[in-house]
Amino acid sequence: MAHAIILMNLGTPAEPTPGAVRAFLREFLSDPRVVEIPKPVWQLILNLFILPLRPKRIAPAYAEIWDSGLDGEAVNGSPIMFYTRRQAELLQARLQPLDSVARDNKSGNVIVTYAMTYGAPNLADTVARLRQEGAKGFTLVPLYPQYSATTTGAIYDQVAGLIRKSRDVPDISVVHDYWEHPGYIAALANSVREHWHKHGQAEKLMMSFHGIPKANTRKGDPYYHHCCGTAERLAEALGLSRERWEITFQSRFGKAEWLQPYTDKTLIEWGRNGVASVDVLCPAFAADCLETLEEIAVENRANFIDAGGREYRYIPALNTREDHIAMLEAIARERIPDLKAG
């Protein structure tokens, strides 16, 4: 019977409207992995202040990126959904064409699909459908190169929920992280080199990662160390001296201290201190989304230019790059040694 590989990403509102954004945020921000505030207190804040106001503010930002890709690529709907779906389709083609799976339903066949931690398609429904179609084993590949309890940890929670609710427990495993995988570092380096070849090399390369509260690191979350390791390996692959690059963290939320240095404040400081040009890469994102296409490519560009900078260029996420899909194939084959050649 077939083995299923499920690419997992964060999720997206179903449409760029306040109502759809509110429904998505309610599910996302209600996860205790995402917000570690006592539930009664947080639910009061969430329902009285965040959900009534925030969806109206950010729905226009979703509308701006809806159906929009980078470098002229046509995107249908939400970019994160589009790229994740295409990654699954391209990985399926590299591992084993679907028509081959349909003809020969023997051990070694593989079905590749995708699911979202929040929103649709969700993991529970995806696993249930695949089991009905004959899948006996499941490998989940969270599209988060660096592990964090706030992202990959939430997927483990959902897997635990599936196991608790199943009488016939599925044979399921999760890829914990892949920030050290040579194919991942190589794909990042290739994307930067190709950008430099096309646009020239800026004075600074900023590697901006999604932020988490600093307290999470003190509690044992390895994310900060994974991010630093990623940045160091990428800089080494590119041959950059330490003064040419910086690691920063974006998207802080609330009043607590988050991982530093902050992306927005660093860009403002650079602009004011005479840095004329910067290239920005977001290595924690396997697919472009609101956070990269709007916060990084638009908002932070304005921060840098308004502070005195002259050139600001965002380097797209790995998305559907061939070397990115090849890296995902390598991970799949390492986890499933008896996988047939495509």
Protein backbone atom coordinates (compact mmCIF):
# COMPACT_ATOMS: atom_id res chain seq x y z
CA MET A 1 0.00 0.00 0.00
CA ALA A 2 1.02 3.61 -0.48
CA HIS A 3 3.03 5.74 1.90
CA ALA A 4 1.86 9.33 2.22
CA ILE A 5 4.10 12.36 2.54
CA ILE A 6 2.28 15.43 3.85
CA LEU A 7 3.91 18.84 3.54
CA MET A 8 2.72 20.99 6.43
CA ASN A 9 2.53 24.78 6.48
CA LEU A 10 0.96 27.34 8.77
CA GLY A 11 -2.26 28.12 6.90
CA THR A 12 -4.17 31.06 5.51
CA PRO A 13 -7.58 32.71 5.62
CA ALA A 14 -9.95 31.26 3.02
CA GLU A 15 -10.32 34.69 1.44
CA PRO A 16 -8.98 38.21 2.03
CA THR A 17 -12.00 39.49 3.97
CA PRO A 18 -12.34 40.56 7.62
CA GLY A 19 -14.66 37.63 8.34
CA ALA A 20 -12.30 35.02 6.91
CA VAL A 21 -9.28 36.63 8.57
CA ARG A 22 -11.14 36.66 11.90
CA ALA A 23 -11.95 32.94 11.63
CA PHE A 24 -8.32 32.13 10.82
CA LEU A 25 -6.91 34.27 13.62
CA ARG A 26 -9.36 32.80 16.13
CA GLU A 27 -8.04 29.29 15.45
CA PHE A 28 -4.39 30.34 15.14
CA LEU A 29 -4.24 32.58 18.22
CA SER A 30 -6.23 30.15 20.37
CA ASP A 31 -3.44 27.57 20.15
CA PRO A 32 -1.51 27.57 23.46
CA ARG A 33 1.62 26.71 21.48
CA VAL A 34 1.35 30.11 19.79
CA VAL A 35 0.38 32.27 22.78
CA GLU A 36 1.61 31.08 26.18
CA ILE A 37 -0.64 33.27 28.32
CA PRO A 38 -3.08 31.69 30.82
CA LYS A 39 -6.14 30.77 28.78
CA PRO A 40 -8.82 32.77 30.68
CA VAL A 41 -6.75 35.96 30.47
CA TRP A 42 -5.79 35.43 26.83
CA GLN A 43 -9.33 34.58 25.69
CA LEU A 44 -10.53 37.83 27.23
CA ILE A 45 -7.85 39.82 25.36
CA LEU A 46 -8.40 37.87 22.15
CA ASN A 47 -12.17 38.25 22.04
CA LEU A 48 -12.46 41.80 23.38
CA PHE A 49 -9.57 43.51 21.66
CA ILE A 50 -7.83 41.49 18.94
CA LEU A 51 -10.58 39.73 16.99
CA PRO A 52 -12.92 42.77 16.83
CA LEU A 53 -10.16 45.07 15.51
CA ARG A 54 -7.20 43.29 13.93
CA PRO A 55 -9.01 41.50 11.05
CA LYS A 56 -10.26 44.83 9.68
CA ARG A 57 -6.70 46.18 9.72
CA ILE A 58 -4.95 43.26 8.07
CA ALA A 59 -7.60 42.06 5.59
CA PRO A 60 -6.53 44.83 3.13
CA ALA A 61 -2.95 43.54 3.38
CA TYR A 62 -4.15 40.05 2.47
CA ALA A 63 -6.09 41.56 -0.43
CA GLU A 64 -2.88 43.22 -1.70
CA ILE A 65 -1.01 39.91 -1.95
CA TRP A 66 -3.94 37.75 -3.08
CA ASP A 67 -3.29 36.35 -6.58
CA SER A 68 0.16 38.00 -6.49
CA GLY A 69 3.48 36.27 -7.03
CA LEU A 70 7.06 37.41 -7.27
CA ASP A 71 9.12 37.77 -10.42
CA GLY A 72 6.03 37.66 -12.60
CA GLU A 73 4.79 34.24 -11.40
CA ALA A 74 1.01 33.93 -11.52
CA VAL A 75 -0.51 32.94 -8.17
CA ASN A 76 -4.05 31.72 -7.73
CA GLY A 77 -5.46 32.88 -4.39
CA SER A 78 -3.35 32.89 -1.22
CA PRO A 79 0.40 32.73 -2.00
CA ILE A 80 1.22 30.39 0.88
CA MET A 81 -1.51 27.99 -0.25
CA PHE A 82 -0.44 28.23 -3.90
CA TYR A 83 3.25 27.59 -3.23
CA THR A 84 2.62 24.77 -0.74
CA ARG A 85 0.28 23.02 -3.15
CA ARG A 86 2.78 23.39 -6.01
CA GLN A 87 5.60 22.09 -3.82
CA ALA A 88 3.55 18.95 -3.15
CA GLU A 89 2.78 18.51 -6.84
CA LEU A 90 6.41 18.95 -7.86
CA LEU A 91 7.66 16.60 -5.14
CA GLN A 92 5.11 14.01 -6.23
CA ALA A 93 6.45 14.20 -9.78
CA ARG A 94 10.05 13.72 -8.59
CA LEU A 95 9.24 10.77 -6.34
CA GLN A 96 6.66 8.94 -8.38
CA PRO A 97 4.13 10.24 -10.93
CA LEU A 98 0.55 9.88 -9.72
CA ASP A 99 -0.41 7.80 -12.77
CA SER A 100 2.26 5.29 -11.71
CA VAL A 101 0.82 5.18 -8.20
CA ALA A 102 -2.63 4.52 -9.63
CA ARG A 103 -1.37 1.66 -11.84
CA ASP A 104 0.75 -0.11 -9.23
CA ASN A 105 -0.57 0.03 -5.69
CA LYS A 106 2.25 -1.96 -4.09
CA SER A 107 4.68 -1.30 -1.29
CA GLY A 108 6.96 1.61 -2.13
CA ASN A 109 4.36 3.77 -3.83
CA VAL A 110 4.13 7.28 -2.47
CA ILE A 111 1.41 9.89 -2.41
CA VAL A 112 2.46 13.49 -1.75
CA THR A 113 -0.04 16.05 -0.54
CA TYR A 114 -0.21 19.00 1.85
CA ALA A 115 -2.12 20.20 4.90
CA MET A 116 -2.24 23.31 7.06
CA THR A 117 -1.87 23.60 10.81
CA TYR A 118 -4.68 26.18 10.87
CA GLY A 119 -7.49 26.48 8.36
CA ALA A 120 -8.06 24.10 5.49
CA PRO A 121 -7.06 21.51 4.47
CA ASN A 122 -6.42 20.36 8.02
CA LEU A 123 -4.27 17.42 9.07
CA ALA A 124 -6.99 15.23 10.58
CA ASP A 125 -9.17 15.33 7.46
CA THR A 126 -6.17 14.79 5.20
CA VAL A 127 -4.98 11.71 7.09
CA ALA A 128 -8.52 10.28 7.22
CA ARG A 129 -8.91 10.71 3.45
CA LEU A 130 -5.54 9.13 2.70
CA ARG A 131 -6.27 6.15 4.97
CA GLN A 132 -9.49 5.57 3.07
CA GLU A 133 -7.44 5.64 -0.14
CA GLY A 134 -5.14 2.93 1.19
CA ALA A 135 -2.23 4.80 2.73
CA LYS A 136 -0.66 2.83 5.59
CA GLY A 137 2.25 5.04 6.58
CA PHE A 138 2.60 8.81 6.90
CA THR A 139 5.60 11.11 6.94
CA LEU A 140 4.89 14.73 7.85
CA VAL A 141 7.35 17.35 6.60
CA PRO A 142 6.72 20.67 8.39
CA LEU A 143 7.95 23.42 6.07
CA TYR A 144 9.80 25.04 8.95
CA PRO A 145 13.56 24.46 8.57
CA GLN A 146 14.17 25.61 12.16
CA TYR A 147 12.18 23.88 14.90
CA SER A 148 10.07 25.94 17.28
CA ALA A 149 7.40 24.83 19.71
CA THR A 150 5.24 27.59 18.20
CA THR A 151 5.30 26.01 14.73
CA THR A 152 6.51 22.41 14.44
CA GLY A 153 5.56 21.77 18.06
CA ALA A 154 1.96 22.60 17.19
CA ILE A 155 2.05 19.93 14.47
CA TYR A 156 3.29 17.34 16.97
CA ASP A 157 0.31 18.29 19.15
CA GLN A 158 -2.06 17.59 16.27
CA VAL A 159 -0.38 14.23 15.62
CA ALA A 160 -0.78 13.38 19.31
CA GLY A 161 -4.46 14.27 19.01
CA LEU A 162 -4.84 11.93 16.05
CA ILE A 163 -3.20 9.12 17.99
CA ARG A 164 -5.38 9.66 21.07
CA LYS A 165 -8.56 9.56 18.97
CA SER A 166 -7.60 6.52 16.87
CA ARG A 167 -8.35 2.93 17.77
CA ASP A 168 -6.18 1.82 14.83
CA VAL A 169 -3.28 4.21 15.41
CA PRO A 170 -1.70 5.43 12.17
CA ASP A 171 1.99 4.78 11.47
CA ILE A 172 3.05 8.41 11.42
CA SER A 173 6.34 10.28 11.83
CA VAL A 174 7.34 13.94 11.74
CA VAL A 175 10.51 15.55 10.39
CA HIS A 176 11.68 17.59 13.37
CA ASP A 177 13.79 20.16 11.47
CA TYR A 178 16.12 20.43 8.48
CA TRP A 179 18.12 23.61 9.00
CA GLU A 180 21.39 21.68 8.84
CA HIS A 181 20.51 19.79 5.67
CA PRO A 182 23.17 20.57 3.03
CA GLY A 183 20.51 20.78 0.33
CA TYR A 184 18.68 23.50 2.26
CA ILE A 185 21.78 25.64 2.76
CA ALA A 186 22.77 25.09 -0.88
CA ALA A 187 19.33 26.17 -2.13
CA LEU A 188 19.45 29.32 0.02
CA ALA A 189 22.94 30.15 -1.21
CA ASN A 190 21.93 29.55 -4.83
CA SER A 191 18.96 31.87 -4.47
CA VAL A 192 21.18 34.64 -3.08
CA ARG A 193 23.85 34.18 -5.77
CA GLU A 194 21.23 34.28 -8.53
CA HIS A 195 19.77 37.45 -7.01
CA TRP A 196 23.21 39.05 -6.90
CA HIS A 197 23.90 38.04 -10.49
CA LYS A 198 20.69 39.72 -11.59
CA HIS A 199 20.64 42.82 -9.34
CA GLY A 200 24.16 43.24 -8.01
CA GLN A 201 25.34 42.73 -4.43
CA ALA A 202 24.12 45.11 -1.74
CA GLU A 203 26.29 46.44 1.09
CA LYS A 204 24.49 44.25 3.62
CA LEU A 205 22.69 40.92 3.57
CA MET A 206 19.99 40.75 6.23
CA MET A 207 18.73 37.29 7.21
CA SER A 208 15.39 38.03 8.84
CA PHE A 209 13.68 35.21 10.73
CA HIS A 210 10.21 35.10 12.23
CA GLY A 211 10.44 36.16 15.86
CA ILE A 212 9.30 34.42 19.04
CA PRO A 213 9.25 35.69 22.63
CA LYS A 214 12.73 35.66 24.18
CA ALA A 215 11.30 33.80 27.17
CA ASN A 216 10.63 30.80 24.92
CA THR A 217 14.37 30.33 24.41
CA ARG A 218 14.99 30.43 28.16
CA LYS A 219 12.35 27.70 28.53
CA GLY A 220 14.21 25.43 26.11
CA ASP A 221 12.95 26.26 22.63
CA PRO A 222 15.92 25.64 20.25
CA TYR A 223 14.64 28.00 17.55
CA TYR A 224 17.10 30.84 18.23
CA HIS A 225 20.07 28.48 18.02
CA HIS A 226 18.73 26.91 14.83
CA CYS A 227 18.36 30.36 13.27
CA CYS A 228 21.89 31.40 14.25
CA GLY A 229 23.24 28.14 12.88
CA THR A 230 21.39 28.69 9.60
CA ALA A 231 22.73 32.22 9.23
CA GLU A 232 26.30 31.18 9.97
CA ARG A 233 26.21 28.30 7.49
CA LEU A 234 24.69 30.46 4.77
CA ALA A 235 27.23 33.24 5.30
CA GLU A 236 30.02 30.66 5.09
CA ALA A 237 28.58 29.20 1.88
CA LEU A 238 28.45 32.69 0.37
CA GLY A 239 31.92 33.63 1.60
CA LEU A 240 30.66 36.69 3.47
CA SER A 241 32.75 38.34 6.17
CA ARG A 242 30.89 39.02 9.43
CA GLU A 243 30.44 42.75 8.81
CA ARG A 244 28.58 42.05 5.55
CA TRP A 245 25.62 40.21 7.07
CA GLU A 246 23.27 40.33 10.04
CA ILE A 247 20.63 38.07 11.58
CA THR A 248 17.41 39.77 12.72
CA PHE A 249 13.91 38.84 13.85
CA GLN A 250 10.59 40.18 12.58
CA SER A 251 6.88 40.18 13.49
CA ARG A 252 6.91 40.73 17.23
CA PHE A 253 3.51 40.89 18.89
CA GLY A 254 2.52 42.43 22.21
CA LYS A 255 4.72 44.11 24.84
CA ALA A 256 6.98 41.21 25.83
CA GLU A 257 10.62 41.16 24.74
CA TRP A 258 11.14 39.06 21.59
CA LEU A 259 14.29 37.71 19.98
CA GLN A 260 16.65 40.48 18.93
CA PRO A 261 17.95 42.34 17.01
CA TYR A 262 14.61 43.43 15.55
CA THR A 263 14.35 43.63 11.77
CA ASP A 264 12.53 46.96 11.56
CA LYS A 265 14.75 48.76 14.08
CA THR A 266 17.92 47.43 12.46
CA LEU A 267 16.85 48.66 9.03
CA ILE A 268 16.06 52.12 10.41
CA GLU A 269 19.42 52.23 12.17
CA TRP A 270 21.23 51.18 8.98
CA GLY A 271 19.43 53.80 6.92
CA ARG A 272 20.29 56.53 9.42
CA ASN A 273 23.92 55.41 9.65
CA GLY A 274 24.61 55.57 5.93
CA VAL A 275 24.04 52.02 4.70
CA ALA A 276 22.91 52.64 1.13
CA SER A 277 21.73 49.19 0.03
CA VAL A 278 20.45 46.00 1.62
CA ASP A 279 19.32 42.58 0.42
CA VAL A 280 16.82 40.84 2.72
CA LEU A 281 16.29 37.09 2.89
CA CYS A 282 13.80 35.19 5.10
CA PRO A 283 15.33 31.73 5.57
CA ALA A 284 12.62 30.47 7.94
CA PHE A 285 9.96 30.60 5.23
CA ALA A 286 9.67 27.80 2.66
CA ALA A 287 6.90 29.69 0.87
CA ASP A 288 6.16 33.37 0.45
CA CYS A 289 3.21 34.63 2.46
CA LEU A 290 1.77 37.76 4.05
CA GLU A 291 4.75 38.09 6.36
CA THR A 292 7.30 38.14 3.54
CA LEU A 293 5.33 39.77 0.74
CA GLU A 294 3.85 42.58 2.81
CA GLU A 295 5.77 43.02 6.06
CA ILE A 296 9.24 42.44 4.61
CA ALA A 297 8.91 43.42 0.94
CA VAL A 298 6.72 46.51 1.54
CA GLU A 299 6.63 47.74 5.16
CA ASN A 300 10.29 47.24 5.97
CA ARG A 301 11.37 48.60 2.62
CA ALA A 302 9.62 51.82 3.62
CA ASN A 303 11.36 51.75 7.01
CA PHE A 304 14.78 51.57 5.35
CA ILE A 305 14.15 54.10 2.58
CA ASP A 306 12.48 56.62 4.91
CA ALA A 307 15.51 56.38 7.22
CA GLY A 308 17.88 57.33 4.41
CA GLY A 309 18.64 54.06 2.63
CA ARG A 310 18.60 54.03 -1.16
CA GLU A 311 18.23 50.42 -2.39
CA TYR A 312 16.21 47.68 -0.70
CA ARG A 313 15.66 44.29 -2.32
CA TYR A 314 13.75 41.30 -0.99
CA ILE A 315 15.06 37.88 -2.07
CA PRO A 316 12.06 35.54 -2.50
CA ALA A 317 11.54 32.42 -0.41
CA LEU A 318 12.63 29.13 -1.94
CA ASN A 319 9.04 28.44 -3.07
CA THR A 320 9.10 26.15 -6.14
CA ARG A 321 12.80 26.40 -6.98
CA GLU A 322 14.10 23.14 -8.43
CA ASP A 323 16.88 22.88 -5.84
CA HIS A 324 14.31 23.38 -3.07
CA ILE A 325 12.12 20.55 -4.35
CA ALA A 326 15.25 18.39 -4.78
CA MET A 327 16.07 19.01 -1.12
CA LEU A 328 12.56 17.94 -0.08
CA GLU A 329 13.00 14.83 -2.21
CA ALA A 330 16.27 14.06 -0.44
CA ILE A 331 14.58 14.38 2.95
CA ALA A 332 11.77 12.05 1.82
CA ARG A 333 14.20 9.42 0.55
CA GLU A 334 16.28 9.62 3.74
CA ARG A 335 13.16 9.04 5.84
CA ILE A 336 11.70 6.30 3.60
CA PRO A 337 14.69 4.20 2.45
CA ASP A 338 12.62 1.67 0.46
CA LEU A 339 10.97 4.41 -1.61
CA LYS A 340 10.97 3.43 -5.28
CA ALA A 341 12.77 5.61 -7.76
CA GLY A 342 10.43 7.86 -9.68
